[in-house]
Every structure is written in structure tokens, then in C-alpha cells.
């Protein structure tokens, strides 16, 4: 069976189309109430949903706060950095 070769541009395009996770990590600086407020402002989450994510960050050290397109995920990471939260972008496992 012949080997299928994928052009680098096509491969890169397919990888950026995958869903990406925005992950917020725990830090010793920000108050839990502040983190909750940031989640409400950035993602327009209800207080309850924002608190669930904040508690997950606090207890587990991280929380996947949003999943979707890479471009939008990058924007969210930049916004969270602007609010001084430690956030990263990762592909789902």
C-alpha cells in the first residue's frame, strides 16, 4: 500500500482546527474571589460556574476553563494574562 504524504501546510491547518483547551493554573498570589470575578468577566460565566472553575484551580492546581478554536483560545490566554492569571493553551489529550 502506498504511503500517504501530507503537505506541511495541510498538516498545520489540520492541527490548528483541532479543539484547544485554555487552562488556568493555581498561583499563590490571586485571591479566590478575584479569580472568580475574572472568569465572570472574560468568559461571561455565571457566578456558580466561575466558582466551580476557581475551586478546581484551587484544589487540583488547574482547570480547563474553555475549549474551542486555537485562535479564540489564544485570545482568551492573552486576556487572562492581562488579568495576571497564569494560563496556558494545550491540545486535549
Protein backbone atom coordinates (compact mmCIF):
# COMPACT_ATOMS: atom_id res chain seq x y z
CA UNK A 1 0.00 0.00 0.00
CA UNK A 2 1.49 3.39 -0.93
CA UNK A 3 2.39 5.80 1.87
CA UNK A 4 0.22 8.92 2.01
CA UNK A 5 2.22 12.10 2.30
CA UNK A 6 0.64 15.18 3.83
CA UNK A 7 1.86 18.60 2.84
CA UNK A 8 3.23 20.56 5.84
CA UNK A 9 0.74 23.39 5.26
CA UNK A 10 -2.19 20.97 5.29
CA UNK A 11 -0.91 19.26 8.43
CA UNK A 12 -0.52 22.61 10.20
CA UNK A 13 -4.02 23.63 9.09
CA UNK A 14 -5.48 20.40 10.48
CA UNK A 15 -3.66 20.85 13.79
CA UNK A 16 -4.97 24.39 14.25
CA UNK A 17 -8.52 23.19 13.53
CA UNK A 18 -8.40 20.79 16.49
CA UNK A 19 -10.10 21.97 19.66
CA UNK A 20 -7.70 23.62 22.11
CA UNK A 21 -8.00 23.93 25.88
CA UNK A 22 -7.48 27.10 27.86
CA UNK A 23 -6.03 26.00 31.19
CA UNK A 24 -5.77 28.23 34.26
CA UNK A 25 -3.16 27.18 36.82
CA UNK A 26 -3.07 27.82 40.53
CA UNK A 27 -0.84 30.59 41.83
CA UNK A 28 -0.09 31.83 45.34
CA UNK A 29 -0.91 35.45 44.53
CA UNK A 30 -4.51 35.92 43.41
CA UNK A 31 -7.46 35.74 45.79
CA UNK A 32 -10.14 33.18 45.01
CA UNK A 33 -12.77 35.92 44.77
CA UNK A 34 -10.62 37.76 42.21
CA UNK A 35 -10.20 34.63 40.07
CA UNK A 36 -13.98 34.09 40.15
CA UNK A 37 -14.58 37.68 39.02
CA UNK A 38 -12.09 37.32 36.16
CA UNK A 39 -13.83 34.17 34.91
CA UNK A 40 -17.14 36.02 35.01
CA UNK A 41 -15.75 38.97 33.04
CA UNK A 42 -13.65 37.11 30.47
CA UNK A 43 -15.96 34.17 29.76
CA UNK A 44 -19.25 35.72 30.89
CA UNK A 45 -19.74 32.72 33.19
CA UNK A 46 -22.39 32.72 35.88
CA UNK A 47 -21.07 33.16 39.40
CA UNK A 48 -21.70 29.48 40.12
CA UNK A 49 -19.80 28.26 37.05
CA UNK A 50 -16.94 30.69 37.69
CA UNK A 51 -16.72 29.49 41.31
CA UNK A 52 -16.64 25.83 40.20
CA UNK A 53 -13.65 26.55 37.94
CA UNK A 54 -11.94 28.64 40.62
CA UNK A 55 -12.32 25.82 43.16
CA UNK A 56 -10.96 23.31 40.66
CA UNK A 57 -7.90 25.55 40.17
CA UNK A 58 -7.52 25.89 43.94
CA UNK A 59 -7.96 22.20 44.78
CA UNK A 60 -6.44 20.46 41.75
CA UNK A 61 -3.94 23.09 40.65
CA UNK A 62 -5.56 23.66 37.26
CA UNK A 63 -8.86 23.89 35.43
CA UNK A 64 -9.79 23.69 31.76
CA UNK A 65 -11.92 26.82 31.58
CA UNK A 66 -12.68 26.82 27.84
CA UNK A 67 -12.27 24.56 24.78
CA UNK A 68 -12.54 25.58 21.14
CA UNK A 69 -10.66 27.03 18.18
CA UNK A 70 -6.98 27.80 18.57
CA UNK A 71 -7.37 31.45 17.57
CA UNK A 72 -10.06 32.10 20.18
CA UNK A 73 -8.15 30.08 22.79
CA UNK A 74 -5.03 32.20 22.21
CA UNK A 75 -7.12 35.34 22.68
CA UNK A 76 -8.50 34.04 25.98
CA UNK A 77 -5.00 33.16 27.23
CA UNK A 78 -3.83 36.70 26.41
CA UNK A 79 -6.84 38.19 28.20
CA UNK A 80 -6.22 36.04 31.28
CA UNK A 81 -2.57 37.11 31.30
CA UNK A 82 -3.81 40.71 31.21
CA UNK A 83 -5.71 39.95 34.43
CA UNK A 84 -2.48 38.46 35.84
CA UNK A 85 -3.69 34.86 35.89
CA UNK A 86 -1.41 32.00 34.93
CA UNK A 87 -3.00 30.46 31.84
CA UNK A 88 -1.78 28.17 29.08
CA UNK A 89 -3.02 26.67 25.85
CA UNK A 90 -2.95 22.92 25.25
CA UNK A 91 -4.34 20.31 22.93
CA UNK A 92 -6.80 17.90 24.51
CA UNK A 93 -5.25 14.51 25.29
